[in-house]
């Protein structure tokens, strides 16, 4: 291994350490607790080292969000692949999405409610975001009919995100969540 390759590997390891530390700190204390100073202390590197990897907290949150999108895409894919039929695939994807938001609230926040510099719906959209949307699109495809598949997927995603966000925020009661998801699925499959 060349010196250049070793340095690049070490750089990637430091970057992973920063992102993991930020995620752990956010999960235990919330995003407000994530500062470059605290991260530097936690990973035992100086703040300038952090800034050599990330412009600041928003860039670190974007890296956490990208990890989250990759995880979500994998869970959506698994839910779709294990389904017996298209309706079950759509229901499974919706349930996987809701479960992801419930079990990883800090990551979901970084992905969808925090201001991060990630481009959606363009040629510059990172692959992890494209993969997650593609999984939703494939779950919606059998029910698109004459509708534009992309637009129908966006509406499904918006409905799903709205239900999840309103439930997480206490605006909708948690005990009706499954029933609301089932209603969304019926509206898109019926």
N, C-alpha and C. Protein backbone atom coordinates (compact mmCIF):
# COMPACT_ATOMS: atom_id res chain seq x y z
N UNK A 1 0.85 -1.17 0.00
CA UNK A 1 0.00 0.00 0.00
C UNK A 1 0.90 1.23 0.00
N UNK A 2 0.57 2.16 -0.87
CA UNK A 2 1.38 3.38 -0.96
C UNK A 2 1.03 4.32 0.19
N UNK A 3 1.88 5.29 0.40
CA UNK A 3 1.65 6.30 1.44
C UNK A 3 0.37 7.06 1.13
N UNK A 4 0.17 7.37 -0.12
CA UNK A 4 -1.03 8.10 -0.53
C UNK A 4 -2.30 7.29 -0.21
N UNK A 5 -2.27 6.00 -0.52
CA UNK A 5 -3.42 5.15 -0.23
C UNK A 5 -3.67 5.04 1.27
N UNK A 6 -2.59 4.92 2.05
CA UNK A 6 -2.74 4.83 3.50
C UNK A 6 -3.35 6.12 4.05
N UNK A 7 -2.86 7.26 3.58
CA UNK A 7 -3.38 8.55 4.06
C UNK A 7 -4.86 8.71 3.70
N UNK A 8 -5.21 8.28 2.51
CA UNK A 8 -6.62 8.36 2.10
C UNK A 8 -7.48 7.45 2.97
N UNK A 9 -7.00 6.25 3.26
CA UNK A 9 -7.74 5.34 4.13
C UNK A 9 -7.89 5.95 5.53
N UNK A 10 -6.82 6.54 6.06
CA UNK A 10 -6.88 7.17 7.38
C UNK A 10 -7.84 8.35 7.37
N UNK A 11 -7.86 9.11 6.28
CA UNK A 11 -8.78 10.24 6.15
C UNK A 11 -10.22 9.74 6.18
N UNK A 12 -10.50 8.68 5.45
CA UNK A 12 -11.84 8.12 5.43
C UNK A 12 -12.24 7.58 6.81
N UNK A 13 -11.30 6.98 7.51
CA UNK A 13 -11.56 6.47 8.86
C UNK A 13 -11.87 7.61 9.82
N UNK A 14 -11.12 8.73 9.72
CA UNK A 14 -11.39 9.90 10.56
C UNK A 14 -12.77 10.48 10.26
N UNK A 15 -13.08 10.55 8.98
CA UNK A 15 -14.38 11.08 8.58
C UNK A 15 -15.50 10.21 9.13
N UNK A 16 -15.37 8.89 9.04
CA UNK A 16 -16.36 7.97 9.58
C UNK A 16 -16.46 8.14 11.10
N UNK A 17 -15.33 8.32 11.77
CA UNK A 17 -15.31 8.54 13.21
C UNK A 17 -16.09 9.80 13.59
N UNK A 18 -15.90 10.87 12.83
CA UNK A 18 -16.61 12.13 13.07
C UNK A 18 -18.11 11.94 12.90
N UNK A 19 -18.51 11.32 11.80
CA UNK A 19 -19.93 11.13 11.52
C UNK A 19 -20.57 10.23 12.58
N UNK A 20 -19.91 9.15 12.92
CA UNK A 20 -20.45 8.24 13.95
C UNK A 20 -20.56 8.94 15.30
N UNK A 21 -19.57 9.72 15.66
CA UNK A 21 -19.60 10.44 16.93
C UNK A 21 -20.73 11.46 16.94
N UNK A 22 -20.93 12.15 15.84
CA UNK A 22 -22.02 13.13 15.75
C UNK A 22 -23.37 12.45 15.90
N UNK A 23 -23.52 11.33 15.24
CA UNK A 23 -24.78 10.60 15.32
C UNK A 23 -25.03 10.10 16.74
N UNK A 24 -24.02 9.54 17.37
CA UNK A 24 -24.17 9.05 18.75
C UNK A 24 -24.51 10.18 19.71
N UNK A 25 -23.82 11.31 19.56
CA UNK A 25 -24.07 12.46 20.44
C UNK A 25 -25.49 13.00 20.21
N UNK A 26 -25.89 13.10 18.96
CA UNK A 26 -27.25 13.57 18.65
C UNK A 26 -28.30 12.62 19.19
N UNK A 27 -28.05 11.32 19.07
CA UNK A 27 -29.01 10.34 19.56
C UNK A 27 -29.14 10.38 21.07
N UNK A 28 -28.07 10.70 21.77
CA UNK A 28 -28.14 10.72 23.22
C UNK A 28 -28.58 12.08 23.79
N UNK A 29 -28.23 13.17 23.08
CA UNK A 29 -28.51 14.51 23.64
C UNK A 29 -29.22 15.46 22.69
N UNK A 30 -29.46 15.06 21.46
CA UNK A 30 -30.10 15.94 20.48
C UNK A 30 -29.07 16.71 19.65
N UNK A 31 -29.53 17.21 18.51
CA UNK A 31 -28.62 17.91 17.59
C UNK A 31 -28.05 19.19 18.19
N UNK A 32 -28.75 19.80 19.13
CA UNK A 32 -28.24 21.02 19.76
C UNK A 32 -26.92 20.77 20.47
N UNK A 33 -26.73 19.55 20.95
CA UNK A 33 -25.52 19.19 21.69
C UNK A 33 -24.33 18.94 20.78
N UNK A 34 -24.58 18.77 19.50
CA UNK A 34 -23.50 18.47 18.56
C UNK A 34 -22.82 19.77 18.15
N UNK A 35 -21.61 19.94 18.65
CA UNK A 35 -20.79 21.08 18.27
C UNK A 35 -19.43 20.55 17.84
N UNK A 36 -18.73 21.34 17.06
CA UNK A 36 -17.40 20.88 16.62
C UNK A 36 -16.47 20.73 17.83
N UNK A 37 -16.65 21.56 18.82
CA UNK A 37 -15.81 21.45 20.02
C UNK A 37 -16.06 20.10 20.72
N UNK A 38 -17.32 19.77 20.93
CA UNK A 38 -17.64 18.51 21.60
C UNK A 38 -17.22 17.31 20.76
N UNK A 39 -17.40 17.40 19.46
CA UNK A 39 -16.97 16.31 18.59
C UNK A 39 -15.46 16.14 18.63
N UNK A 40 -14.73 17.25 18.61
CA UNK A 40 -13.27 17.18 18.67
C UNK A 40 -12.83 16.49 19.96
N UNK A 41 -13.45 16.84 21.06
CA UNK A 41 -13.12 16.21 22.34
C UNK A 41 -13.44 14.71 22.30
N UNK A 42 -14.58 14.40 21.75
CA UNK A 42 -15.05 13.01 21.74
C UNK A 42 -14.15 12.11 20.88
N UNK A 43 -13.70 12.60 19.75
CA UNK A 43 -12.89 11.76 18.87
C UNK A 43 -11.39 11.97 19.08
N UNK A 44 -11.06 12.89 19.98
CA UNK A 44 -9.66 13.16 20.35
C UNK A 44 -8.82 13.67 19.19
N UNK A 45 -9.43 14.58 18.42
CA UNK A 45 -8.72 15.32 17.38
C UNK A 45 -9.04 16.80 17.60
N UNK A 46 -8.26 17.66 17.01
CA UNK A 46 -8.50 19.10 17.16
C UNK A 46 -9.65 19.55 16.25
N UNK A 47 -10.22 20.71 16.58
CA UNK A 47 -11.28 21.26 15.75
C UNK A 47 -10.81 21.49 14.31
N UNK A 48 -9.58 21.97 14.09
CA UNK A 48 -9.12 22.13 12.70
C UNK A 48 -9.15 20.82 11.90
N UNK A 49 -8.94 19.70 12.58
CA UNK A 49 -9.02 18.41 11.89
C UNK A 49 -10.46 18.18 11.42
N UNK A 50 -11.43 18.49 12.28
CA UNK A 50 -12.83 18.36 11.88
C UNK A 50 -13.13 19.23 10.67
N UNK A 51 -12.63 20.48 10.72
CA UNK A 51 -12.88 21.40 9.62
C UNK A 51 -12.14 21.01 8.35
N UNK A 52 -11.13 20.17 8.47
CA UNK A 52 -10.46 19.68 7.25
C UNK A 52 -11.32 18.63 6.55
N UNK A 53 -12.31 18.09 7.27
CA UNK A 53 -13.22 17.10 6.70
C UNK A 53 -14.58 17.71 6.36
N UNK A 54 -15.07 18.59 7.21
CA UNK A 54 -16.41 19.16 7.07
C UNK A 54 -16.37 20.66 7.30
N UNK A 55 -17.20 21.40 6.56
CA UNK A 55 -17.25 22.86 6.71
C UNK A 55 -17.82 23.27 8.07
N UNK A 56 -18.61 22.43 8.66
CA UNK A 56 -19.22 22.74 9.95
C UNK A 56 -20.28 21.73 10.29
N UNK A 57 -21.08 22.06 11.29
CA UNK A 57 -22.10 21.14 11.79
C UNK A 57 -23.10 20.75 10.71
N UNK A 58 -23.52 21.69 9.87
CA UNK A 58 -24.49 21.36 8.83
C UNK A 58 -23.95 20.30 7.88
N UNK A 59 -22.67 20.39 7.55
CA UNK A 59 -22.07 19.39 6.66
C UNK A 59 -21.98 18.03 7.34
N UNK A 60 -21.75 18.03 8.64
CA UNK A 60 -21.72 16.77 9.39
C UNK A 60 -23.12 16.17 9.43
N UNK A 61 -24.12 17.02 9.66
CA UNK A 61 -25.51 16.54 9.64
C UNK A 61 -25.87 15.97 8.27
N UNK A 62 -25.38 16.60 7.21
CA UNK A 62 -25.65 16.09 5.86
C UNK A 62 -25.03 14.71 5.68
N UNK A 63 -23.85 14.50 6.24
CA UNK A 63 -23.21 13.17 6.16
C UNK A 63 -24.01 12.14 6.93
N UNK A 64 -24.54 12.51 8.09
CA UNK A 64 -25.40 11.61 8.86
C UNK A 64 -26.67 11.31 8.05
N UNK A 65 -27.22 12.35 7.42
CA UNK A 65 -28.41 12.18 6.61
C UNK A 65 -28.15 11.22 5.44
N UNK A 66 -27.00 11.36 4.79
CA UNK A 66 -26.67 10.45 3.68
C UNK A 66 -26.61 9.01 4.15
N UNK A 67 -26.00 8.79 5.31
CA UNK A 67 -25.99 7.44 5.88
C UNK A 67 -27.42 6.95 6.10
N UNK A 68 -28.26 7.84 6.62
CA UNK A 68 -29.66 7.50 6.86
C UNK A 68 -30.40 7.14 5.59
N UNK A 69 -30.16 7.90 4.52
CA UNK A 69 -30.81 7.58 3.26
C UNK A 69 -30.39 6.21 2.74
N UNK A 70 -29.12 5.87 2.90
CA UNK A 70 -28.65 4.55 2.48
C UNK A 70 -29.33 3.45 3.31
N UNK A 71 -29.44 3.67 4.61
CA UNK A 71 -30.10 2.70 5.49
C UNK A 71 -31.58 2.56 5.13
N UNK A 72 -32.23 3.70 4.90
CA UNK A 72 -33.65 3.67 4.55
C UNK A 72 -33.87 2.95 3.23
N UNK A 73 -33.03 3.22 2.24
CA UNK A 73 -33.16 2.54 0.94
C UNK A 73 -33.05 1.03 1.12
N UNK A 74 -32.11 0.60 1.93
CA UNK A 74 -31.94 -0.84 2.15
C UNK A 74 -33.17 -1.44 2.83
N UNK A 75 -33.75 -0.73 3.78
CA UNK A 75 -34.93 -1.24 4.47
C UNK A 75 -36.15 -1.25 3.56
N UNK A 76 -36.29 -0.24 2.72
CA UNK A 76 -37.39 -0.22 1.76
C UNK A 76 -37.25 -1.37 0.76
N UNK A 77 -36.02 -1.59 0.30
CA UNK A 77 -35.74 -2.67 -0.65
C UNK A 77 -36.10 -4.02 -0.03
N UNK A 78 -35.69 -4.23 1.21
CA UNK A 78 -35.97 -5.50 1.89
C UNK A 78 -37.47 -5.70 2.07
N UNK A 79 -38.17 -4.64 2.43
CA UNK A 79 -39.62 -4.75 2.62
C UNK A 79 -40.31 -5.08 1.31
N UNK A 80 -39.89 -4.43 0.25
CA UNK A 80 -40.48 -4.68 -1.07
C UNK A 80 -40.19 -6.09 -1.55
N UNK A 81 -38.93 -6.51 -1.38
CA UNK A 81 -38.50 -7.82 -1.87
C UNK A 81 -39.17 -8.98 -1.14
N UNK A 82 -39.53 -8.78 0.11
CA UNK A 82 -40.12 -9.87 0.89
C UNK A 82 -41.64 -9.94 0.76
N UNK A 83 -42.22 -9.02 0.00
CA UNK A 83 -43.68 -8.97 -0.12
C UNK A 83 -44.19 -10.00 -1.13
N UNK A 84 -45.37 -10.50 -0.86
CA UNK A 84 -45.98 -11.53 -1.71
C UNK A 84 -46.63 -10.96 -2.96
N UNK A 85 -47.05 -9.69 -2.90
CA UNK A 85 -47.72 -9.09 -4.05
C UNK A 85 -47.50 -7.57 -4.01
N UNK A 86 -47.88 -6.86 -5.07
CA UNK A 86 -47.63 -5.41 -5.14
C UNK A 86 -48.25 -4.61 -3.99
N UNK A 87 -49.47 -4.96 -3.60
CA UNK A 87 -50.10 -4.23 -2.49
C UNK A 87 -49.32 -4.43 -1.20
N UNK A 88 -48.89 -5.65 -0.94
CA UNK A 88 -48.09 -5.93 0.25
C UNK A 88 -46.73 -5.23 0.16
N UNK A 89 -46.20 -5.09 -1.04
CA UNK A 89 -44.93 -4.38 -1.22
C UNK A 89 -45.08 -2.91 -0.86
N UNK A 90 -46.17 -2.29 -1.30
CA UNK A 90 -46.40 -0.89 -0.98
C UNK A 90 -46.64 -0.72 0.52
N UNK A 91 -47.43 -1.60 1.10
CA UNK A 91 -47.70 -1.54 2.54
C UNK A 91 -46.42 -1.80 3.33
N UNK A 92 -45.62 -2.74 2.87
CA UNK A 92 -44.35 -3.03 3.55
C UNK A 92 -43.39 -1.87 3.48
N UNK A 93 -43.33 -1.22 2.32
CA UNK A 93 -42.46 -0.04 2.18
C UNK A 93 -42.93 1.08 3.10
N UNK A 94 -44.23 1.29 3.16
CA UNK A 94 -44.77 2.34 4.04
C UNK A 94 -44.47 2.03 5.50
N UNK A 95 -44.65 0.78 5.89
CA UNK A 95 -44.37 0.39 7.28
C UNK A 95 -42.88 0.51 7.59
N UNK A 96 -42.03 0.14 6.64
CA UNK A 96 -40.58 0.26 6.84
C UNK A 96 -40.18 1.72 6.99
N UNK A 97 -40.77 2.58 6.18
CA UNK A 97 -40.49 4.02 6.26
C UNK A 97 -40.89 4.56 7.64
N UNK A 98 -42.10 4.23 8.07
CA UNK A 98 -42.59 4.70 9.37
C UNK A 98 -41.75 4.14 10.52
N UNK A 99 -41.37 2.88 10.42
CA UNK A 99 -40.53 2.26 11.46
C UNK A 99 -39.16 2.94 11.52
N UNK A 100 -38.60 3.24 10.35
CA UNK A 100 -37.32 3.93 10.30
C UNK A 100 -37.41 5.26 11.03
N UNK A 101 -38.43 6.04 10.74
CA UNK A 101 -38.60 7.35 11.39
C UNK A 101 -38.78 7.21 12.90
N UNK A 102 -39.48 6.17 13.30
CA UNK A 102 -39.73 5.95 14.73
C UNK A 102 -38.47 5.48 15.47
N UNK A 103 -37.70 4.61 14.84
CA UNK A 103 -36.55 4.03 15.54
C UNK A 103 -35.28 4.84 15.39
N UNK A 104 -35.25 5.76 14.43
CA UNK A 104 -34.06 6.60 14.22
C UNK A 104 -34.48 8.07 14.11
N UNK A 105 -35.11 8.60 15.14
CA UNK A 105 -35.66 9.96 15.05
C UNK A 105 -34.61 11.04 14.76
N UNK A 106 -33.43 10.90 15.30
CA UNK A 106 -32.38 11.90 15.09
C UNK A 106 -31.89 11.87 13.65
N UNK A 107 -31.74 10.68 13.11
CA UNK A 107 -31.31 10.54 11.72
C UNK A 107 -32.41 11.04 10.79
N UNK A 108 -33.66 10.69 11.09
CA UNK A 108 -34.79 11.15 10.28
C UNK A 108 -34.85 12.68 10.29
N UNK A 109 -34.61 13.26 11.44
CA UNK A 109 -34.59 14.72 11.55
C UNK A 109 -33.52 15.32 10.64
N UNK A 110 -32.33 14.73 10.66
CA UNK A 110 -31.25 15.22 9.79
C UNK A 110 -31.63 15.06 8.32
N UNK A 111 -32.31 13.98 8.00
CA UNK A 111 -32.67 13.69 6.61
C UNK A 111 -33.76 14.62 6.09
N UNK A 112 -34.76 14.91 6.92
CA UNK A 112 -35.96 15.54 6.38
C UNK A 112 -36.40 16.85 7.01
N UNK A 113 -35.94 17.16 8.21
CA UNK A 113 -36.45 18.39 8.82
C UNK A 113 -35.36 19.42 9.11
N UNK A 114 -34.11 19.02 9.11
CA UNK A 114 -33.02 19.96 9.34
C UNK A 114 -32.57 20.56 8.02
N UNK A 115 -32.02 21.73 8.11
CA UNK A 115 -31.50 22.38 6.90
C UNK A 115 -30.11 21.81 6.63
N UNK A 116 -30.04 20.95 5.65
CA UNK A 116 -28.76 20.36 5.23
C UNK A 116 -28.59 20.62 3.75
N UNK A 117 -27.36 20.67 3.32
CA UNK A 117 -27.05 20.97 1.94
C UNK A 117 -27.04 19.69 1.10
N UNK A 118 -28.23 19.16 0.87
CA UNK A 118 -28.40 17.99 0.01
C UNK A 118 -29.40 18.36 -1.07
N UNK A 119 -29.10 18.00 -2.28
CA UNK A 119 -29.95 18.32 -3.41
C UNK A 119 -30.89 17.16 -3.69
N UNK A 120 -32.18 17.47 -3.73
CA UNK A 120 -33.19 16.48 -4.06
C UNK A 120 -33.68 16.74 -5.48
N UNK A 121 -34.13 15.70 -6.14
CA UNK A 121 -34.81 15.78 -7.43
C UNK A 121 -34.03 16.54 -8.50
N UNK A 122 -32.76 16.22 -8.63
CA UNK A 122 -31.95 16.83 -9.70
C UNK A 122 -30.84 15.85 -10.08
N UNK A 123 -30.08 16.24 -11.09
CA UNK A 123 -28.97 15.40 -11.52
C UNK A 123 -27.88 15.32 -10.45
N UNK A 124 -27.83 16.29 -9.55
CA UNK A 124 -26.82 16.31 -8.49
C UNK A 124 -27.26 15.57 -7.22
N UNK A 125 -28.43 14.97 -7.26
CA UNK A 125 -28.92 14.25 -6.09
C UNK A 125 -27.99 13.08 -5.80
N UNK A 126 -27.52 12.99 -4.54
CA UNK A 126 -26.61 11.88 -4.19
C UNK A 126 -27.27 10.52 -4.41
N UNK A 127 -26.48 9.52 -4.77
CA UNK A 127 -27.02 8.18 -5.05
C UNK A 127 -27.89 7.60 -3.94
N UNK A 128 -27.53 7.81 -2.68
CA UNK A 128 -28.33 7.24 -1.58
C UNK A 128 -29.75 7.79 -1.58
N UNK A 129 -29.91 9.07 -1.90
CA UNK A 129 -31.24 9.66 -1.98
C UNK A 129 -32.00 9.10 -3.18
N UNK A 130 -31.31 8.97 -4.30
CA UNK A 130 -31.94 8.41 -5.50
C UNK A 130 -32.41 6.98 -5.26
N UNK A 131 -31.61 6.20 -4.54
CA UNK A 131 -31.96 4.80 -4.29
C UNK A 131 -33.21 4.68 -3.42
N UNK A 132 -33.31 5.52 -2.41
CA UNK A 132 -34.50 5.50 -1.55
C UNK A 132 -35.75 5.86 -2.32
N UNK A 133 -35.66 6.91 -3.13
CA UNK A 133 -36.80 7.31 -3.94
C UNK A 133 -37.14 6.22 -4.95
N UNK A 134 -36.13 5.59 -5.53
CA UNK A 134 -36.35 4.52 -6.51
C UNK A 134 -37.10 3.35 -5.87
N UNK A 135 -36.79 3.04 -4.62
CA UNK A 135 -37.50 1.96 -3.94
C UNK A 135 -38.97 2.31 -3.75
N UNK A 136 -39.25 3.54 -3.35
CA UNK A 136 -40.65 3.97 -3.23
C UNK A 136 -41.33 3.94 -4.60
N UNK A 137 -40.63 4.42 -5.62
CA UNK A 137 -41.18 4.45 -6.98
C UNK A 137 -41.56 3.04 -7.45
N UNK A 138 -40.70 2.07 -7.17
CA UNK A 138 -41.00 0.71 -7.60
C UNK A 138 -42.17 0.13 -6.84
N UNK A 139 -42.34 0.55 -5.60
CA UNK A 139 -43.50 0.08 -4.83
C UNK A 139 -44.79 0.71 -5.36
N UNK A 140 -44.70 1.94 -5.84
CA UNK A 140 -45.88 2.66 -6.36
C UNK A 140 -46.20 2.24 -7.80
N UNK A 141 -45.19 1.84 -8.56
CA UNK A 141 -45.34 1.57 -10.00
C UNK A 141 -46.58 0.75 -10.37
N UNK A 142 -46.88 -0.36 -9.70
CA UNK A 142 -48.04 -1.16 -10.13
C UNK A 142 -49.38 -0.43 -10.01
N UNK A 143 -49.40 0.69 -9.30
CA UNK A 143 -50.65 1.41 -9.05
C UNK A 143 -50.69 2.77 -9.74
N UNK A 144 -49.71 3.08 -10.56
CA UNK A 144 -49.61 4.41 -11.18
C UNK A 144 -50.64 4.61 -12.27
N UNK A 145 -51.02 3.55 -12.97
CA UNK A 145 -51.98 3.69 -14.06
C UNK A 145 -51.48 4.71 -15.07
N UNK A 146 -52.34 5.67 -15.42
CA UNK A 146 -51.98 6.70 -16.40
C UNK A 146 -51.28 7.89 -15.75
N UNK A 147 -51.17 7.89 -14.44
CA UNK A 147 -50.49 9.01 -13.75
C UNK A 147 -49.00 8.98 -14.05
N UNK A 148 -48.39 10.14 -13.96
CA UNK A 148 -46.93 10.22 -14.05
C UNK A 148 -46.37 9.49 -12.83
N UNK A 149 -45.53 8.48 -13.06
CA UNK A 149 -45.00 7.65 -11.98
C UNK A 149 -44.22 8.47 -10.96
N UNK A 150 -43.38 9.38 -11.44
CA UNK A 150 -42.60 10.21 -10.53
C UNK A 150 -43.47 11.08 -9.65
N UNK A 151 -44.47 11.71 -10.26
CA UNK A 151 -45.37 12.58 -9.49
C UNK A 151 -46.19 11.77 -8.50
N UNK A 152 -46.67 10.61 -8.93
CA UNK A 152 -47.47 9.77 -8.01
C UNK A 152 -46.60 9.32 -6.83
N UNK A 153 -45.34 8.99 -7.11
CA UNK A 153 -44.43 8.59 -6.03
C UNK A 153 -44.18 9.75 -5.09
N UNK A 154 -44.01 10.94 -5.63
CA UNK A 154 -43.81 12.12 -4.78
C UNK A 154 -45.01 12.36 -3.87
N UNK A 155 -46.20 12.19 -4.41
CA UNK A 155 -47.42 12.39 -3.60
C UNK A 155 -47.51 11.31 -2.52
N UNK A 156 -47.20 10.07 -2.87
CA UNK A 156 -47.20 9.01 -1.87
C UNK A 156 -46.19 9.31 -0.77
N UNK A 157 -44.97 9.67 -1.17
CA UNK A 157 -43.92 10.01 -0.21
C UNK A 157 -44.36 11.17 0.68
N UNK A 158 -44.94 12.21 0.07
CA UNK A 158 -45.39 13.37 0.84
C UNK A 158 -46.46 12.96 1.86
N UNK A 159 -47.39 12.11 1.44
CA UNK A 159 -48.41 11.64 2.37
C UNK A 159 -47.80 10.83 3.50
N UNK A 160 -46.90 9.96 3.16
CA UNK A 160 -46.22 9.13 4.15
C UNK A 160 -45.41 9.98 5.11
N UNK A 161 -44.63 10.90 4.55
CA UNK A 161 -43.82 11.80 5.38
C UNK A 161 -44.71 12.66 6.28
N UNK A 162 -45.80 13.14 5.74
CA UNK A 162 -46.72 13.95 6.54
C UNK A 162 -47.29 13.18 7.71
N UNK A 163 -47.73 11.96 7.46
CA UNK A 163 -48.27 11.14 8.55
C UNK A 163 -47.21 10.88 9.62
N UNK A 164 -46.03 10.52 9.17
CA UNK A 164 -44.94 10.22 10.10
C UNK A 164 -44.56 11.46 10.91
N UNK A 165 -44.41 12.58 10.22
CA UNK A 165 -43.97 13.81 10.89
C UNK A 165 -45.03 14.32 11.87
N UNK A 166 -46.27 14.30 11.46
CA UNK A 166 -47.34 14.76 12.35
C UNK A 166 -47.50 13.83 13.56
N UNK A 167 -47.31 12.55 13.36
CA UNK A 167 -47.40 11.60 14.48
C UNK A 167 -46.20 11.79 15.40
N UNK A 168 -45.00 11.90 14.84
CA UNK A 168 -43.79 12.10 15.66
C UNK A 168 -43.91 13.37 16.48
N UNK A 169 -44.50 14.40 15.89
CA UNK A 169 -44.61 15.68 16.57
C UNK A 169 -45.78 15.78 17.52
N UNK A 170 -46.56 14.70 17.66
CA UNK A 170 -47.68 14.70 18.58
C UNK A 170 -48.91 15.42 18.05
N UNK A 171 -48.91 15.80 16.78
CA UNK A 171 -50.06 16.48 16.19
C UNK A 171 -51.17 15.48 15.85
N UNK A 172 -50.76 14.24 15.58
CA UNK A 172 -51.71 13.15 15.39
C UNK A 172 -51.45 12.12 16.48
N UNK A 173 -52.48 11.52 17.03
CA UNK A 173 -52.26 10.54 18.10
C UNK A 173 -51.58 9.27 17.57
N UNK A 174 -50.63 8.78 18.31
CA UNK A 174 -49.87 7.60 17.91
C UNK A 174 -50.76 6.37 17.76
N UNK A 175 -51.79 6.26 18.57
CA UNK A 175 -52.61 5.04 18.53
C UNK A 175 -53.37 4.88 17.21
N UNK A 176 -53.52 5.89 16.40
CA UNK A 176 -54.21 5.74 15.12
C UNK A 176 -53.26 5.62 13.93
N UNK A 177 -51.97 5.52 14.21
CA UNK A 177 -50.97 5.55 13.14
C UNK A 177 -51.14 4.41 12.14
N UNK A 178 -51.29 3.19 12.62
CA UNK A 178 -51.43 2.03 11.72
C UNK A 178 -52.66 2.17 10.83
N UNK A 179 -53.73 2.65 11.42
CA UNK A 179 -54.97 2.83 10.67
C UNK A 179 -54.80 3.89 9.57
N UNK A 180 -54.09 4.98 9.89
CA UNK A 180 -53.85 6.02 8.89
C UNK A 180 -52.95 5.50 7.77
N UNK A 181 -51.93 4.70 8.11
CA UNK A 181 -51.08 4.10 7.07
C UNK A 181 -51.90 3.19 6.17
N UNK A 182 -52.78 2.39 6.76
CA UNK A 182 -53.62 1.49 5.97
C UNK A 182 -54.53 2.29 5.03
N UNK A 183 -55.06 3.40 5.51
CA UNK A 183 -55.90 4.27 4.67
C UNK A 183 -55.10 4.83 3.49
N UNK A 184 -53.88 5.26 3.76
CA UNK A 184 -53.02 5.77 2.69
C UNK A 184 -52.78 4.68 1.64
N UNK A 185 -52.50 3.48 2.08
CA UNK A 185 -52.26 2.36 1.15
C UNK A 185 -53.53 2.10 0.34
N UNK A 186 -54.69 2.07 0.98
CA UNK A 186 -55.94 1.83 0.25
C UNK A 186 -56.17 2.90 -0.82
N UNK A 187 -55.87 4.13 -0.51
CA UNK A 187 -56.07 5.24 -1.47
C UNK A 187 -55.13 5.11 -2.66
N UNK A 188 -53.96 4.56 -2.45
CA UNK A 188 -53.00 4.44 -3.55
C UNK A 188 -53.14 3.13 -4.32
N UNK A 189 -53.79 2.15 -3.75
CA UNK A 189 -53.92 0.87 -4.42
C UNK A 189 -55.32 0.62 -4.96
N UNK A 190 -56.28 1.41 -4.49
CA UNK A 190 -57.67 1.15 -4.86
C UNK A 190 -58.15 1.81 -6.04
